[in-house]
Amino acid sequence: MFDNTPLELDEIIDQCRALAYAAVNTDESQAREILLFVLQERIDHLYRASQKEPEQAEVSHA
């Protein structure tokens, strides 16, 4: 089931940490490449969210 609730900065940070941990601890190169791609997207979301006004610091799941 898809949750369309906007993410807070702390939630995006947690996702980045989990993705980085998974990428470092996998031996599968294809899985690592996918995890790093998703991590790059999450970091981009985190950067854009941090540039917004504090009251608008939530982002979507997209």
PDB file of N, CA and C in Angstrom:
ATOM      1  N   MET A   1       0.840  -1.172   0.000  1.00  0.00           N
ATOM      2  CA  MET A   1       0.000   0.000   0.000  1.00  0.00           C
ATOM      3  C   MET A   1       0.891   1.244   0.000  1.00  0.00           C
ATOM      4  N   PHE A   2       0.533   2.226  -0.782  1.00  0.00           N
ATOM      5  CA  PHE A   2       1.328   3.438  -0.939  1.00  0.00           C
ATOM      6  C   PHE A   2       0.858   4.512   0.028  1.00  0.00           C
ATOM      7  N   ASP A   3       1.789   5.081   0.751  1.00  0.00           N
ATOM      8  CA  ASP A   3       1.495   6.167   1.685  1.00  0.00           C
ATOM      9  C   ASP A   3       1.946   7.474   1.043  1.00  0.00           C
ATOM     10  N   ASN A   4       1.014   8.363   0.772  1.00  0.00           N
ATOM     11  CA  ASN A   4       1.305   9.617   0.080  1.00  0.00           C
ATOM     12  C   ASN A   4       1.625  10.764   1.039  1.00  0.00           C
ATOM     13  N   THR A   5       1.867  10.449   2.309  1.00  0.00           N
ATOM     14  CA  THR A   5       2.190  11.467   3.298  1.00  0.00           C
ATOM     15  C   THR A   5       3.568  12.058   2.997  1.00  0.00           C
ATOM     16  N   PRO A   6       3.697  13.385   2.993  1.00  0.00           N
ATOM     17  CA  PRO A   6       5.011  13.998   2.738  1.00  0.00           C
ATOM     18  C   PRO A   6       6.032  13.569   3.793  1.00  0.00           C
ATOM     19  N   LEU A   7       7.262  13.395   3.370  1.00  0.00           N
ATOM     20  CA  LEU A   7       8.328  12.996   4.284  1.00  0.00           C
ATOM     21  C   LEU A   7       8.934  14.216   4.960  1.00  0.00           C
ATOM     22  N   GLU A   8       9.324  14.037   6.213  1.00  0.00           N
ATOM     23  CA  GLU A   8      10.051  15.077   6.927  1.00  0.00           C
ATOM     24  C   GLU A   8      11.543  14.861   6.701  1.00  0.00           C
ATOM     25  N   LEU A   9      12.340  15.872   6.996  1.00  0.00           N
ATOM     26  CA  LEU A   9      13.781  15.775   6.771  1.00  0.00           C
ATOM     27  C   LEU A   9      14.398  14.592   7.512  1.00  0.00           C
ATOM     28  N   ASP A  10      13.984  14.355   8.750  1.00  0.00           N
ATOM     29  CA  ASP A  10      14.525  13.237   9.522  1.00  0.00           C
ATOM     30  C   ASP A  10      14.240  11.898   8.859  1.00  0.00           C
ATOM     31  N   GLU A  11      13.085  11.769   8.244  1.00  0.00           N
ATOM     32  CA  GLU A  11      12.733  10.524   7.557  1.00  0.00           C
ATOM     33  C   GLU A  11      13.589  10.319   6.312  1.00  0.00           C
ATOM     34  N   ILE A  12      13.869  11.388   5.593  1.00  0.00           N
ATOM     35  CA  ILE A  12      14.727  11.285   4.412  1.00  0.00           C
ATOM     36  C   ILE A  12      16.148  10.912   4.837  1.00  0.00           C
ATOM     37  N   ILE A  13      16.614  11.499   5.919  1.00  0.00           N
ATOM     38  CA  ILE A  13      17.942  11.170   6.439  1.00  0.00           C
ATOM     39  C   ILE A  13      18.012   9.698   6.821  1.00  0.00           C
ATOM     40  N   ASP A  14      16.981   9.184   7.485  1.00  0.00           N
ATOM     41  CA  ASP A  14      16.944   7.763   7.846  1.00  0.00           C
ATOM     42  C   ASP A  14      16.991   6.874   6.611  1.00  0.00           C
ATOM     43  N   GLN A  15      16.273   7.259   5.562  1.00  0.00           N
ATOM     44  CA  GLN A  15      16.300   6.488   4.321  1.00  0.00           C
ATOM     45  C   GLN A  15      17.702   6.497   3.712  1.00  0.00           C
ATOM     46  N   CYS A  16      18.351   7.646   3.717  1.00  0.00           N
ATOM     47  CA  CYS A  16      19.712   7.740   3.173  1.00  0.00           C
ATOM     48  C   CYS A  16      20.670   6.845   3.952  1.00  0.00           C
ATOM     49  N   ARG A  17      20.558   6.848   5.263  1.00  0.00           N
ATOM     50  CA  ARG A  17      21.423   5.999   6.086  1.00  0.00           C
ATOM     51  C   ARG A  17      21.197   4.523   5.786  1.00  0.00           C
ATOM     52  N   ALA A  18      19.933   4.129   5.669  1.00  0.00           N
ATOM     53  CA  ALA A  18      19.612   2.728   5.382  1.00  0.00           C
ATOM     54  C   ALA A  18      20.123   2.314   4.005  1.00  0.00           C
ATOM     55  N   LEU A  19      19.957   3.178   3.018  1.00  0.00           N
ATOM     56  CA  LEU A  19      20.439   2.874   1.672  1.00  0.00           C
ATOM     57  C   LEU A  19      21.962   2.781   1.637  1.00  0.00           C
ATOM     58  N   ALA A  20      22.641   3.682   2.318  1.00  0.00           N
ATOM     59  CA  ALA A  20      24.106   3.649   2.358  1.00  0.00           C
ATOM     60  C   ALA A  20      24.594   2.375   3.044  1.00  0.00           C
ATOM     61  N   TYR A  21      23.971   2.014   4.146  1.00  0.00           N
ATOM     62  CA  TYR A  21      24.337   0.787   4.863  1.00  0.00           C
ATOM     63  C   TYR A  21      24.147  -0.433   3.975  1.00  0.00           C
ATOM     64  N   ALA A  22      23.009  -0.505   3.300  1.00  0.00           N
ATOM     65  CA  ALA A  22      22.724  -1.643   2.425  1.00  0.00           C
ATOM     66  C   ALA A  22      23.715  -1.706   1.266  1.00  0.00           C
ATOM     67  N   ALA A  23      24.055  -0.563   0.688  1.00  0.00           N
ATOM     68  CA  ALA A  23      24.988  -0.538  -0.441  1.00  0.00           C
ATOM     69  C   ALA A  23      26.385  -0.989  -0.020  1.00  0.00           C
ATOM     70  N   VAL A  24      26.814  -0.577   1.155  1.00  0.00           N
ATOM     71  CA  VAL A  24      28.143  -0.940   1.642  1.00  0.00           C
ATOM     72  C   VAL A  24      28.217  -2.428   1.993  1.00  0.00           C
ATOM     73  N   ASN A  25      27.122  -2.982   2.472  1.00  0.00           N
ATOM     74  CA  ASN A  25      27.137  -4.354   2.975  1.00  0.00           C
ATOM     75  C   ASN A  25      26.631  -5.405   2.001  1.00  0.00           C
ATOM     76  N   THR A  26      26.450  -5.072   0.741  1.00  0.00           N
ATOM     77  CA  THR A  26      26.031  -6.078  -0.232  1.00  0.00           C
ATOM     78  C   THR A  26      27.214  -6.468  -1.116  1.00  0.00           C
ATOM     79  N   ASP A  27      27.235  -7.733  -1.498  1.00  0.00           N
ATOM     80  CA  ASP A  27      28.280  -8.228  -2.391  1.00  0.00           C
ATOM     81  C   ASP A  27      27.823  -8.251  -3.844  1.00  0.00           C
ATOM     82  N   GLU A  28      26.542  -7.990  -4.066  1.00  0.00           N
ATOM     83  CA  GLU A  28      25.974  -8.008  -5.419  1.00  0.00           C
ATOM     84  C   GLU A  28      26.181  -6.646  -6.082  1.00  0.00           C
ATOM     85  N   SER A  29      26.960  -6.620  -7.152  1.00  0.00           N
ATOM     86  CA  SER A  29      27.277  -5.336  -7.789  1.00  0.00           C
ATOM     87  C   SER A  29      26.049  -4.666  -8.399  1.00  0.00           C
ATOM     88  N   GLN A  30      25.138  -5.450  -8.962  1.00  0.00           N
ATOM     89  CA  GLN A  30      23.938  -4.858  -9.558  1.00  0.00           C
ATOM     90  C   GLN A  30      23.032  -4.263  -8.478  1.00  0.00           C
ATOM     91  N   ALA A  31      22.886  -4.965  -7.364  1.00  0.00           N
ATOM     92  CA  ALA A  31      22.085  -4.443  -6.250  1.00  0.00           C
ATOM     93  C   ALA A  31      22.720  -3.173  -5.694  1.00  0.00           C
ATOM     94  N   ARG A  32      24.055  -3.161  -5.567  1.00  0.00           N
ATOM     95  CA  ARG A  32      24.757  -1.979  -5.064  1.00  0.00           C
ATOM     96  C   ARG A  32      24.528  -0.783  -5.986  1.00  0.00           C
ATOM     97  N   GLU A  33      24.598  -1.019  -7.283  1.00  0.00           N
ATOM     98  CA  GLU A  33      24.383   0.061  -8.250  1.00  0.00           C
ATOM     99  C   GLU A  33      22.977   0.648  -8.116  1.00  0.00           C
ATOM    100  N   ILE A  34      21.982  -0.200  -7.962  1.00  0.00           N
ATOM    101  CA  ILE A  34      20.597   0.266  -7.804  1.00  0.00           C
ATOM    102  C   ILE A  34      20.440   1.030  -6.497  1.00  0.00           C
ATOM    103  N   LEU A  35      20.993   0.484  -5.410  1.00  0.00           N
ATOM    104  CA  LEU A  35      20.904   1.159  -4.114  1.00  0.00           C
ATOM    105  C   LEU A  35      21.570   2.532  -4.160  1.00  0.00           C
ATOM    106  N   LEU A  36      22.717   2.624  -4.816  1.00  0.00           N
ATOM    107  CA  LEU A  36      23.408   3.912  -4.909  1.00  0.00           C
ATOM    108  C   LEU A  36      22.645   4.910  -5.774  1.00  0.00           C
ATOM    109  N   PHE A  37      21.961   4.416  -6.802  1.00  0.00           N
ATOM    110  CA  PHE A  37      21.134   5.296  -7.627  1.00  0.00           C
ATOM    111  C   PHE A  37      19.983   5.870  -6.796  1.00  0.00           C
ATOM    112  N   VAL A  38      19.315   5.011  -6.038  1.00  0.00           N
ATOM    113  CA  VAL A  38      18.210   5.474  -5.188  1.00  0.00           C
ATOM    114  C   VAL A  38      18.746   6.415  -4.114  1.00  0.00           C
ATOM    115  N   LEU A  39      19.914   6.105  -3.555  1.00  0.00           N
ATOM    116  CA  LEU A  39      20.530   6.982  -2.560  1.00  0.00           C
ATOM    117  C   LEU A  39      20.799   8.364  -3.151  1.00  0.00           C
ATOM    118  N   GLN A  40      21.288   8.404  -4.372  1.00  0.00           N
ATOM    119  CA  GLN A  40      21.537   9.686  -5.038  1.00  0.00           C
ATOM    120  C   GLN A  40      20.244  10.495  -5.148  1.00  0.00           C
ATOM    121  N   GLU A  41      19.143   9.843  -5.498  1.00  0.00           N
ATOM    122  CA  GLU A  41      17.853  10.536  -5.584  1.00  0.00           C
ATOM    123  C   GLU A  41      17.412  11.056  -4.220  1.00  0.00           C
ATOM    124  N   ARG A  42      17.576  10.243  -3.185  1.00  0.00           N
ATOM    125  CA  ARG A  42      17.187  10.657  -1.831  1.00  0.00           C
ATOM    126  C   ARG A  42      18.035  11.834  -1.361  1.00  0.00           C
ATOM    127  N   ILE A  43      19.331  11.818  -1.654  1.00  0.00           N
ATOM    128  CA  ILE A  43      20.203  12.929  -1.267  1.00  0.00           C
ATOM    129  C   ILE A  43      19.783  14.203  -1.990  1.00  0.00           C
ATOM    130  N   ASP A  44      19.401  14.081  -3.248  1.00  0.00           N
ATOM    131  CA  ASP A  44      18.912  15.234  -4.002  1.00  0.00           C
ATOM    132  C   ASP A  44      17.640  15.787  -3.362  1.00  0.00           C
ATOM    133  N   HIS A  45      16.722  14.903  -2.966  1.00  0.00           N
ATOM    134  CA  HIS A  45      15.503  15.341  -2.275  1.00  0.00           C
ATOM    135  C   HIS A  45      15.852  16.031  -0.959  1.00  0.00           C
ATOM    136  N   LEU A  46      16.790  15.465  -0.238  1.00  0.00           N
ATOM    137  CA  LEU A  46      17.202  16.043   1.037  1.00  0.00           C
ATOM    138  C   LEU A  46      17.769  17.446   0.829  1.00  0.00           C
ATOM    139  N   TYR A  47      18.605  17.608  -0.184  1.00  0.00           N
ATOM    140  CA  TYR A  47      19.182  18.925  -0.468  1.00  0.00           C
ATOM    141  C   TYR A  47      18.091  19.934  -0.810  1.00  0.00           C
ATOM    142  N   ARG A  48      17.188  19.543  -1.722  1.00  0.00           N
ATOM    143  CA  ARG A  48      16.126  20.469  -2.127  1.00  0.00           C
ATOM    144  C   ARG A  48      15.211  20.806  -0.959  1.00  0.00           C
ATOM    145  N   ALA A  49      14.915  19.833  -0.118  1.00  0.00           N
ATOM    146  CA  ALA A  49      14.051  20.081   1.039  1.00  0.00           C
ATOM    147  C   ALA A  49      14.734  21.011   2.033  1.00  0.00           C
ATOM    148  N   SER A  50      16.045  20.878   2.180  1.00  0.00           N
ATOM    149  CA  SER A  50      16.764  21.730   3.130  1.00  0.00           C
ATOM    150  C   SER A  50      16.869  23.172   2.639  1.00  0.00           C
ATOM    151  N   GLN A  51      16.696  23.401   1.340  1.00  0.00           N
ATOM    152  CA  GLN A  51      16.759  24.745   0.775  1.00  0.00           C
ATOM    153  C   GLN A  51      15.442  25.498   0.897  1.00  0.00           C
ATOM    154  N   LYS A  52      14.373  24.785   1.197  1.00  0.00           N
ATOM    155  CA  LYS A  52      13.057  25.411   1.322  1.00  0.00           C
ATOM    156  C   LYS A  52      12.942  26.135   2.658  1.00  0.00           C
ATOM    157  N   GLU A  53      11.900  26.925   2.772  1.00  0.00           N
ATOM    158  CA  GLU A  53      11.596  27.578   4.036  1.00  0.00           C
ATOM    159  C   GLU A  53      11.304  26.514   5.089  1.00  0.00           C
ATOM    160  N   PRO A  54      11.606  26.772   6.364  1.00  0.00           N
ATOM    161  CA  PRO A  54      11.375  25.770   7.413  1.00  0.00           C
ATOM    162  C   PRO A  54       9.940  25.243   7.465  1.00  0.00           C
ATOM    163  N   GLU A  55       8.959  26.077   7.221  1.00  0.00           N
ATOM    164  CA  GLU A  55       7.575  25.623   7.286  1.00  0.00           C
ATOM    165  C   GLU A  55       7.184  24.814   6.053  1.00  0.00           C
ATOM    166  N   GLN A  56       8.030  24.818   5.026  1.00  0.00           N
ATOM    167  CA  GLN A  56       7.757  24.064   3.810  1.00  0.00           C
ATOM    168  C   GLN A  56       8.769  22.937   3.632  1.00  0.00           C
ATOM    169  N   ALA A  57       9.401  22.497   4.689  1.00  0.00           N
ATOM    170  CA  ALA A  57      10.514  21.556   4.592  1.00  0.00           C
ATOM    171  C   ALA A  57      10.089  20.102   4.447  1.00  0.00           C
ATOM    172  N   GLU A  58       8.904  19.838   3.961  1.00  0.00           N
ATOM    173  CA  GLU A  58       8.472  18.476   3.702  1.00  0.00           C
ATOM    174  C   GLU A  58       8.506  18.231   2.205  1.00  0.00           C
ATOM    175  N   VAL A  59       8.809  16.980   1.816  1.00  0.00           N
ATOM    176  CA  VAL A  59       8.860  16.619   0.400  1.00  0.00           C
ATOM    177  C   VAL A  59       7.978  15.411   0.157  1.00  0.00           C
ATOM    178  N   SER A  60       7.661  15.187  -1.101  1.00  0.00           N
ATOM    179  CA  SER A  60       6.838  14.028  -1.448  1.00  0.00           C
ATOM    180  C   SER A  60       7.713  12.803  -1.607  1.00  0.00           C
ATOM    181  N   HIS A  61       7.074  11.647  -1.794  1.00  0.00           N
ATOM    182  CA  HIS A  61       7.788  10.388  -1.980  1.00  0.00           C
ATOM    183  C   HIS A  61       8.415  10.289  -3.351  1.00  0.00           C
ATOM    184  N   ALA A  62       8.048  11.136  -4.265  1.00  0.00           N
ATOM    185  CA  ALA A  62       8.539  11.053  -5.649  1.00  0.00           C
ATOM    186  C   ALA A  62       9.984  11.441  -5.761  1.00  0.00           C
TER     187      ALA A  62
END
